[in-house]
Every structure is written in C-alpha cells, then in structure tokens.
Amino acid sequence: MVYNVIGITSGNSLDGLDLVFAGLTEVRGKWTYEIKAAERKAYTIEWEEKLGAAVSLSARDYLLLHSEFGHYIGYAVKQFITDHQLDHQVHFIAAHGHTVFHMPSQKMTAQLGEGAAIAAVTGLPVISDLRAMDVALGGKGAPLVPVAEQLLFPDYRYRLNLGGNATISSMVNNNFIAFDICPCNYILDALAETLGKPFDEDGKLAAGGVTDNALLESLNGLSYYGQDHPKTLAGKFGTGTVLPLIQGHQLSTQGKLNTYTHHIATQIAKTIAKLQSGSEQEQKLLLTGGGVFNSFLLQHIREQLQPYNIEIITPDEQTITFRNALMMALLGTLRWRQEPNALSSVTGAEKDSVGGALWAI
C-alpha cells in the first residue's frame, strides 16, 4: 500500500515550519519511504513573536491564535502544493503543530494549529493532536518520533537523533524503548546566541574553548541522568536547570560550549553502555538531527563510542534535515490505518494507543 502524505512540524527553536511530501510504502509489514518534496518555511518576526508569547495568552486569545495558526499552516500547505506541482497527489496531511503546553503529569498537552482550520483551507483530510491520546492514558506523550523511525529503519541497533534534545531508540529484551538522553542543540544554540550567532557552525566556537572539569562534573551529576526510562525532557529542564548551572560558572562562552559538547558525548556513551547486550558483533547506529552537521560534536561522540564496536551511519542530508516532518507523516499514516502510533514501553502510558484527531470535509 502506498500513501502520499504531507508531514508538518514546527520546532521550539522557531526557525520555521517544516513540510515534507513523502511517499510511504508498506509491503507485508515493511515500510519504505521517498521524500518527493521538502521545504522549511521561515517564520516572519511577527509569527516568531506570536508563537513565542503564546504561553502567556488568555484562554480566549490562545484559542484565537490556535485557529489563526491553523489557517496559516493551511495556506502554507496550499503554496507548497502549488510550488511543487502536487495537485491531486496528496492523500492526507499529518500536522503536529507547535507545542506550547506539555504537562503529562496533569494529563494535558496542547499544540497550536487547529486541524479543522488546516482541512478547511486545503480541502484535504488532516490528522492532528497526535500526542493527546497517549497523554490522556497517563503517558508522557513523548518521544513519539522514534516509533516511526523503528518502522523505517529497523536494521539499526540504535537510532540517535541530535535535535533540541539527544534522543535514542532501541530494542531491549524484545521491547522497543526510546527516551531523551540530554538537552543537545537547545543548549548549544542558546550559548551561541549570546555571541550573536544563531548556532555554533560546525562546532568551531566549541573547538576553540577549553573544557571546565568542574562544570562537566556538575552537569553529569544532574539527577535526570540517574532516572530509568521511560522518561522525557521538558523545555524547563534546559532553561530552569541546565542553563543556570552553566551560567553560574565563570568561563568564556567558548569554554561553556566546549564543556557542554563533552557533556553530550559523555551522556550518549553512558546511555549506550547501559543498553549494550554484551555482544562483540559490530552494531549499527543511525545518526540524524541538526547536530550531525556539528563536526566537533560528532568527533567526540565517535571517540566516546569507540569502545563499544558501533558503526555510526548518517542518512542523506534531506532525511537528516526533515526527519521530524517525515516521521510525523508516518505517524499520521499509522493513525489513518488505525494502527498504534504511541507505545506504552516508550511513554509509560497504560497501553499502546492510536493517537490523532481526523478532520475531513
């Protein structure tokens, strides 16, 4: 069976709306994909401000923005279809929206971007609210993307994504698990921004700094790293715990970047060590996410993983860049097929679930 789906995501970094048109094929339980078109639609300053301030809005104004952003996404999709000549080719849309509130301990999650509005503008079926059912069942609603990665890339022992957080997925004792290891680009970008840079290109700033062992020890000692999975990181861990800890040490920004890069690599290696089965056979690790383009970070990850006989493989640049939107397309497809797209072994929910609201005219 072939599904032609537009997957849409909006990252917390507010760098824009990612749109992917993917051909997803399922044959006897095995999935393959082809990215036929992909684009990042950068937000205007006005939209950056609107999305960034959404958490402080009244209920009325939040719902108005929810509708407005849904219409914005709908028109972005229409333009995407026109620009890439996709008329009459799209079966449906899977839209994650922009996360504003995520409070699984109180069984609540909310993403801006009303599915009904997207459907009304595009005239296409839309699947949205992909986290809501898992959260209602007591799950953390995250991470969801590794569920789709397991289907598209089943031949890898590990799948590691270096995005805002470093997230890993794997099969352990015949159970699929996935969890956030530590904050990643979220912290590196925040530090680079203090020097007027949107990010540390190729890790050059970090490479010019010196590791602060006291800070590194403090970072590695944070209580989150001692918790068992399932677990996921909220943004407040980065802003409320990690960044204040880093800023409390008197060293250059380059030194902070260098130290935090070492911290990421260290936590990844410690996680792999815990998940290893003891087999001496070489195992494959799929590496995705924006951090793949940070050669200084990759250098340290490779060094830290050297004792574990792991072959690190990166896919094509388009898959790396638009990984989340691609995976959202597959999660939406699983919802379309009424198959589980959130696993209790990953999120800690009462049971696996088929998540997502379907909007169709």
Protein backbone atom coordinates (compact mmCIF):
# COMPACT_ATOMS: atom_id res chain seq x y z
CA MET A 1 0.00 0.00 0.00
CA VAL A 2 1.28 3.48 -0.89
CA TYR A 3 0.39 6.65 0.99
CA ASN A 4 1.31 10.11 -0.31
CA VAL A 5 1.37 12.29 2.78
CA ILE A 6 2.40 15.81 3.74
CA GLY A 7 4.01 15.82 7.20
CA ILE A 8 4.33 19.11 9.07
CA THR A 9 6.25 20.14 12.18
CA SER A 10 7.10 23.39 13.96
CA GLY A 11 10.15 23.29 16.21
CA ASN A 12 10.57 25.04 19.54
CA SER A 13 13.52 26.92 18.06
CA LEU A 14 11.01 28.90 15.95
CA ASP A 15 13.18 28.54 12.86
CA GLY A 16 10.14 27.77 10.72
CA LEU A 17 7.53 25.33 9.51
CA ASP A 18 8.90 22.10 8.03
CA LEU A 19 6.84 20.50 5.26
CA VAL A 20 7.60 17.13 3.66
CA PHE A 21 5.72 15.36 0.88
CA ALA A 22 6.57 11.70 1.29
CA GLY A 23 5.64 8.52 -0.47
CA LEU A 24 5.27 5.87 2.25
CA THR A 25 5.01 2.26 1.12
CA GLU A 26 4.03 -0.74 3.24
CA VAL A 27 4.53 -4.28 1.94
CA ARG A 28 3.91 -7.20 4.32
CA GLY A 29 4.70 -5.09 7.37
CA LYS A 30 7.86 -3.50 5.97
CA TRP A 31 7.94 0.25 5.35
CA THR A 32 9.99 2.29 2.90
CA TYR A 33 9.89 5.99 2.08
CA GLU A 34 10.73 8.55 -0.58
CA ILE A 35 10.91 12.27 0.13
CA LYS A 36 9.42 13.79 -3.01
CA ALA A 37 9.47 17.41 -1.86
CA ALA A 38 10.61 19.21 1.27
CA GLU A 39 10.79 22.80 2.41
CA ARG A 40 11.33 24.91 5.51
CA LYS A 41 9.11 27.98 5.55
CA ALA A 42 10.86 30.50 7.78
CA TYR A 43 8.66 32.41 10.21
CA THR A 44 8.35 36.15 9.96
CA ILE A 45 9.35 38.12 13.03
CA GLU A 46 5.63 38.63 13.69
CA TRP A 47 5.00 34.88 13.80
CA GLU A 48 8.07 34.25 15.92
CA GLU A 49 6.72 36.74 18.45
CA LYS A 50 3.19 35.29 18.35
CA LEU A 51 4.32 31.71 18.87
CA GLY A 52 6.94 32.66 21.44
CA ALA A 53 4.40 34.58 23.55
CA ALA A 54 1.58 32.02 23.27
CA VAL A 55 2.22 30.54 26.71
CA SER A 56 1.23 33.85 28.35
CA LEU A 57 -2.04 34.38 26.46
CA SER A 58 -5.51 34.28 27.99
CA ALA A 59 -7.66 31.27 27.11
CA ARG A 60 -9.63 33.35 24.60
CA ASP A 61 -6.57 34.75 22.86
CA TYR A 62 -4.84 31.35 22.85
CA LEU A 63 -7.79 29.77 21.05
CA LEU A 64 -7.89 32.64 18.57
CA LEU A 65 -4.19 32.06 17.85
CA HIS A 66 -4.85 28.31 17.59
CA SER A 67 -7.32 28.99 14.78
CA GLU A 68 -5.15 31.66 13.14
CA PHE A 69 -2.08 29.40 13.10
CA GLY A 70 -4.15 26.55 11.68
CA HIS A 71 -5.20 28.78 8.80
CA TYR A 72 -1.58 29.89 8.39
CA ILE A 73 -0.48 26.25 8.10
CA GLY A 74 -3.29 25.55 5.65
CA TYR A 75 -2.21 28.35 3.31
CA ALA A 76 1.44 27.29 3.66
CA VAL A 77 0.41 23.79 2.54
CA LYS A 78 -1.55 25.18 -0.42
CA GLN A 79 1.50 27.17 -1.53
CA PHE A 80 3.73 24.12 -1.03
CA ILE A 81 1.43 22.04 -3.22
CA THR A 82 1.44 24.73 -5.92
CA ASP A 83 5.20 25.30 -5.83
CA HIS A 84 5.97 21.58 -6.14
CA GLN A 85 3.12 20.76 -8.55
CA LEU A 86 1.47 18.28 -6.19
CA ASP A 87 -2.17 18.88 -7.11
CA HIS A 88 -4.33 15.75 -6.78
CA GLN A 89 -1.39 13.74 -5.42
CA VAL A 90 -1.76 14.25 -1.66
CA HIS A 91 -3.86 11.69 0.21
CA PHE A 92 -3.86 13.49 3.58
CA ILE A 93 -1.89 15.78 5.91
CA ALA A 94 -0.29 14.90 9.26
CA ALA A 95 0.33 18.10 11.23
CA HIS A 96 2.00 18.13 14.62
CA GLY A 97 1.52 21.83 15.24
CA HIS A 98 3.57 23.98 17.61
CA THR A 99 3.82 22.77 21.21
CA VAL A 100 3.00 25.42 23.79
CA PHE A 101 1.89 23.38 26.81
CA HIS A 102 3.07 19.87 27.59
CA MET A 103 2.14 18.75 31.10
CA PRO A 104 1.78 14.96 31.02
CA SER A 105 1.82 14.70 34.82
CA GLN A 106 -1.52 16.52 34.68
CA LYS A 107 -2.63 14.61 31.56
CA MET A 108 -2.56 17.68 29.34
CA THR A 109 -0.74 18.64 26.14
CA ALA A 110 -1.55 21.39 23.64
CA GLN A 111 -0.18 22.20 20.20
CA LEU A 112 -1.12 25.32 18.26
CA GLY A 113 -2.51 24.79 14.76
CA GLU A 114 -6.17 23.82 14.59
CA GLY A 115 -6.66 20.74 12.42
CA ALA A 116 -10.13 21.84 11.31
CA ALA A 117 -8.69 25.11 10.00
CA ILE A 118 -5.98 23.29 8.01
CA ALA A 119 -8.62 21.00 6.49
CA ALA A 120 -10.92 23.91 5.70
CA VAL A 121 -8.19 25.79 3.81
CA THR A 122 -6.67 22.84 1.96
CA GLY A 123 -9.74 20.70 1.37
CA LEU A 124 -7.67 17.68 2.41
CA PRO A 125 -8.09 15.28 5.35
CA VAL A 126 -5.92 16.33 8.29
CA ILE A 127 -4.62 14.35 11.25
CA SER A 128 -3.57 16.44 14.25
CA ASP A 129 -3.27 16.22 18.07
CA LEU A 130 -1.02 13.17 17.78
CA ARG A 131 0.10 13.27 21.43
CA ALA A 132 -3.26 13.76 23.11
CA MET A 133 -4.44 10.14 23.45
CA ASP A 134 -1.16 8.91 24.92
CA VAL A 135 -1.15 11.72 27.47
CA ALA A 136 -4.80 11.00 28.34
CA LEU A 137 -3.74 7.40 29.03
CA GLY A 138 -1.12 8.57 31.51
CA GLY A 139 1.81 8.57 29.08
CA LYS A 140 4.40 11.26 28.64
CA GLY A 141 3.31 11.86 25.03
CA ALA A 142 6.96 11.75 24.06
CA PRO A 143 9.10 10.80 22.40
CA LEU A 144 6.77 9.81 19.55
CA VAL A 145 9.05 10.11 16.53
CA PRO A 146 11.23 7.03 17.34
CA VAL A 147 8.15 4.81 16.89
CA ALA A 148 8.12 5.78 13.21
CA GLU A 149 11.92 5.53 12.97
CA GLN A 150 11.78 1.93 14.13
CA LEU A 151 9.48 1.10 11.20
CA LEU A 152 11.54 2.94 8.58
CA PHE A 153 14.97 1.94 9.90
CA PRO A 154 14.53 -1.46 11.59
CA ASP A 155 18.03 -2.76 10.80
CA TYR A 156 19.82 -0.44 13.25
CA ARG A 157 20.60 -1.46 16.81
CA TYR A 158 20.36 2.19 17.85
CA ARG A 159 18.81 5.32 16.37
CA LEU A 160 20.19 8.54 17.81
CA ASN A 161 18.77 11.96 16.98
CA LEU A 162 20.77 15.10 17.77
CA GLY A 163 17.98 17.66 17.80
CA GLY A 164 16.91 20.06 20.52
CA ASN A 165 17.43 17.05 22.76
CA ALA A 166 19.57 14.00 22.09
CA THR A 167 17.05 11.15 21.79
CA ILE A 168 17.77 7.44 21.45
CA SER A 169 15.64 4.43 20.49
CA SER A 170 16.44 0.71 20.51
CA MET A 171 15.06 -2.78 21.10
CA VAL A 172 15.89 -4.06 24.58
CA ASN A 173 14.78 -7.55 25.65
CA ASN A 174 12.26 -7.56 22.78
CA ASN A 175 10.75 -4.27 23.98
CA PHE A 176 11.01 -1.09 21.96
CA ILE A 177 12.25 1.82 24.09
CA ALA A 178 13.01 5.45 23.36
CA PHE A 179 13.86 8.40 25.58
CA ASP A 180 15.63 11.75 25.75
CA ILE A 181 19.25 11.44 26.82
CA CYS A 182 20.06 15.10 27.44
CA PRO A 183 19.45 18.57 26.02
CA CYS A 184 21.52 19.00 22.86
CA ASN A 185 21.21 21.76 20.25
CA TYR A 186 18.75 23.53 22.51
CA ILE A 187 21.62 24.44 24.86
CA LEU A 188 24.37 24.77 22.25
CA ASP A 189 22.27 27.24 20.22
CA ALA A 190 21.34 29.25 23.32
CA LEU A 191 25.01 29.66 24.20
CA ALA A 192 25.96 30.60 20.62
CA GLU A 193 23.21 33.24 20.61
CA THR A 194 24.96 35.07 23.46
CA LEU A 195 27.73 35.74 20.91
CA GLY A 196 25.26 36.92 18.27
CA LYS A 197 25.30 33.60 16.38
CA PRO A 198 22.14 31.55 15.69
CA PHE A 199 24.19 28.38 16.23
CA ASP A 200 27.79 27.21 16.54
CA GLU A 201 28.57 26.46 12.91
CA ASP A 202 30.48 23.17 12.61
CA GLY A 203 31.30 23.42 16.33
CA LYS A 204 34.09 25.91 15.64
CA LEU A 205 33.36 28.03 18.71
CA ALA A 206 33.34 24.97 20.97
CA ALA A 207 36.57 23.72 19.41
CA GLY A 208 38.24 26.98 20.41
CA GLY A 209 37.28 26.64 24.06
CA VAL A 210 38.75 24.72 26.98
CA THR A 211 36.86 22.08 28.95
CA ASP A 212 35.96 23.07 32.50
CA ASN A 213 36.07 19.84 34.51
CA ALA A 214 34.14 21.25 37.48
CA LEU A 215 31.26 22.29 35.25
CA LEU A 216 31.38 18.97 33.39
CA GLU A 217 31.18 17.08 36.67
CA SER A 218 28.22 19.19 37.81
CA LEU A 219 26.37 18.61 34.54
CA ASN A 220 26.98 14.87 34.60
CA GLY A 221 25.71 14.74 38.18
CA LEU A 222 22.21 16.09 37.40
CA SER A 223 19.52 13.80 38.80
CA TYR A 224 17.74 13.27 35.46
CA TYR A 225 20.60 11.06 34.28
CA GLY A 226 20.03 8.63 37.11
CA GLN A 227 16.35 8.10 36.24
CA ASP A 228 15.21 4.97 34.44
CA HIS A 229 13.26 5.14 31.20
CA PRO A 230 10.57 5.83 30.13
CA LYS A 231 11.49 9.47 30.55
CA THR A 232 11.39 12.66 28.52
CA LEU A 233 12.80 16.15 28.88
CA ALA A 234 10.66 19.25 29.19
CA GLY A 235 11.96 22.60 27.96
CA LYS A 236 12.08 23.88 31.54
CA PHE A 237 14.89 21.42 32.31
CA GLY A 238 17.08 23.32 29.86
CA THR A 239 16.01 26.83 30.82
CA GLY A 240 15.46 26.22 34.52
CA THR A 241 18.27 23.78 35.35
CA VAL A 242 20.96 23.36 32.71
CA LEU A 243 21.48 26.94 31.50
CA PRO A 244 21.54 28.46 35.02
CA LEU A 245 24.07 25.81 36.05
CA ILE A 246 26.29 26.63 33.07
CA GLN A 247 25.96 30.39 33.53
CA GLY A 248 26.91 30.02 37.19
CA HIS A 249 30.47 29.08 36.17
CA GLN A 250 32.91 31.84 35.31
CA LEU A 251 34.38 30.88 31.95
CA SER A 252 34.18 32.02 28.36
CA THR A 253 31.23 31.15 26.15
CA GLN A 254 33.58 29.07 24.03
CA GLY A 255 34.59 27.19 27.16
CA LYS A 256 30.95 26.60 28.02
CA LEU A 257 30.26 25.31 24.51
CA ASN A 258 33.30 23.04 24.67
CA THR A 259 32.30 21.65 28.07
CA TYR A 260 28.68 21.10 27.11
CA THR A 261 29.72 19.31 23.91
CA HIS A 262 31.77 16.93 26.06
CA HIS A 263 28.76 16.51 28.33
CA ILE A 264 26.50 15.46 25.41
CA ALA A 265 29.04 12.92 24.16
CA THR A 266 29.56 11.57 27.69
CA GLN A 267 25.85 11.06 28.33
CA ILE A 268 25.35 9.38 24.96
CA ALA A 269 28.20 6.95 25.70
CA LYS A 270 26.87 6.20 29.20
CA THR A 271 23.44 5.50 27.75
CA ILE A 272 24.83 3.16 25.09
CA ALA A 273 26.87 1.35 27.73
CA LYS A 274 23.71 0.65 29.76
CA LEU A 275 21.83 -0.63 26.71
CA GLN A 276 24.60 -2.86 25.37
CA SER A 277 23.84 -6.58 25.38
CA GLY A 278 27.48 -7.63 25.70
CA SER A 279 27.68 -8.89 22.12
CA GLU A 280 31.02 -8.33 20.43
CA GLN A 281 29.42 -8.20 16.98
CA GLU A 282 29.57 -4.78 15.36
CA GLN A 283 26.30 -2.90 15.74
CA LYS A 284 24.92 -0.07 13.61
CA LEU A 285 23.78 3.31 14.91
CA LEU A 286 21.71 5.64 12.73
CA LEU A 287 22.54 9.29 13.44
CA THR A 288 20.11 12.08 12.49
CA GLY A 289 19.24 15.64 13.52
CA GLY A 290 20.88 19.02 13.11
CA GLY A 291 23.74 18.04 15.40
CA VAL A 292 25.04 15.79 12.62
CA PHE A 293 26.39 18.96 10.97
CA ASN A 294 28.44 19.81 14.07
CA SER A 295 31.72 18.02 13.31
CA PHE A 296 33.22 18.86 16.73
CA LEU A 297 30.30 17.18 18.47
CA LEU A 298 30.49 14.18 16.12
CA GLN A 299 34.20 13.82 16.75
CA HIS A 300 33.62 13.49 20.49
CA ILE A 301 30.67 11.13 20.08
CA ARG A 302 32.80 8.85 17.89
CA GLU A 303 35.62 8.93 20.43
CA GLN A 304 33.30 8.10 23.32
CA LEU A 305 31.61 5.24 21.43
CA GLN A 306 34.85 3.68 20.18
CA PRO A 307 34.97 1.00 22.93
CA TYR A 308 31.51 -0.31 22.01
CA ASN A 309 32.17 -1.62 18.48
CA ILE A 310 29.50 0.58 16.90
CA GLU A 311 29.34 1.69 13.28
CA ILE A 312 27.86 5.19 13.02
CA ILE A 313 25.83 5.81 9.86
CA THR A 314 24.16 9.03 8.71
CA PRO A 315 21.41 9.08 6.05
CA ASP A 316 21.11 11.60 3.21
CA GLU A 317 21.01 15.30 4.09
CA GLN A 318 17.31 15.67 3.26
CA THR A 319 16.35 12.89 5.69
CA ILE A 320 18.56 14.44 8.38
CA THR A 321 17.09 17.93 7.93
CA PHE A 322 13.43 16.94 7.61
CA ARG A 323 13.44 13.85 9.82
CA ASN A 324 10.71 15.05 12.19
CA ALA A 325 8.26 16.03 9.46
CA LEU A 326 8.90 12.73 7.67
CA MET A 327 8.25 10.75 10.84
CA MET A 328 5.11 12.79 11.52
CA ALA A 329 3.87 11.74 8.07
CA LEU A 330 4.29 8.08 9.05
CA LEU A 331 2.70 8.56 12.49
CA GLY A 332 -0.28 10.12 10.73
CA THR A 333 -0.37 7.19 8.33
CA LEU A 334 -0.50 4.72 11.22
CA ARG A 335 -3.45 6.70 12.60
CA TRP A 336 -5.08 6.54 9.15
CA ARG A 337 -4.65 2.75 9.21
CA GLN A 338 -5.92 2.56 12.81
CA GLU A 339 -2.62 1.09 13.99
CA PRO A 340 -0.80 2.04 17.24
CA ASN A 341 1.44 5.08 16.87
CA ALA A 342 2.28 5.56 20.57
CA LEU A 343 3.81 2.70 22.55
CA SER A 344 3.46 2.29 26.31
CA SER A 345 7.01 0.86 26.53
CA VAL A 346 8.24 4.27 25.33
CA THR A 347 5.88 6.72 27.00
CA GLY A 348 4.80 4.89 30.15
CA ALA A 349 1.09 5.04 29.22
CA GLU A 350 -1.44 2.45 30.42
CA LYS A 351 -1.40 0.83 26.98
CA ASP A 352 -0.43 1.35 23.36
CA SER A 353 -2.75 3.73 21.52
CA VAL A 354 -3.85 5.04 18.14
CA GLY A 355 -3.47 8.80 18.56
CA GLY A 356 -4.62 11.69 16.43
CA ALA A 357 -7.79 13.59 15.56
CA LEU A 358 -9.05 13.24 11.97
CA TRP A 359 -10.55 16.29 10.28
CA ALA A 360 -12.19 15.85 6.88
CA ILE A 361 -14.63 17.89 4.82
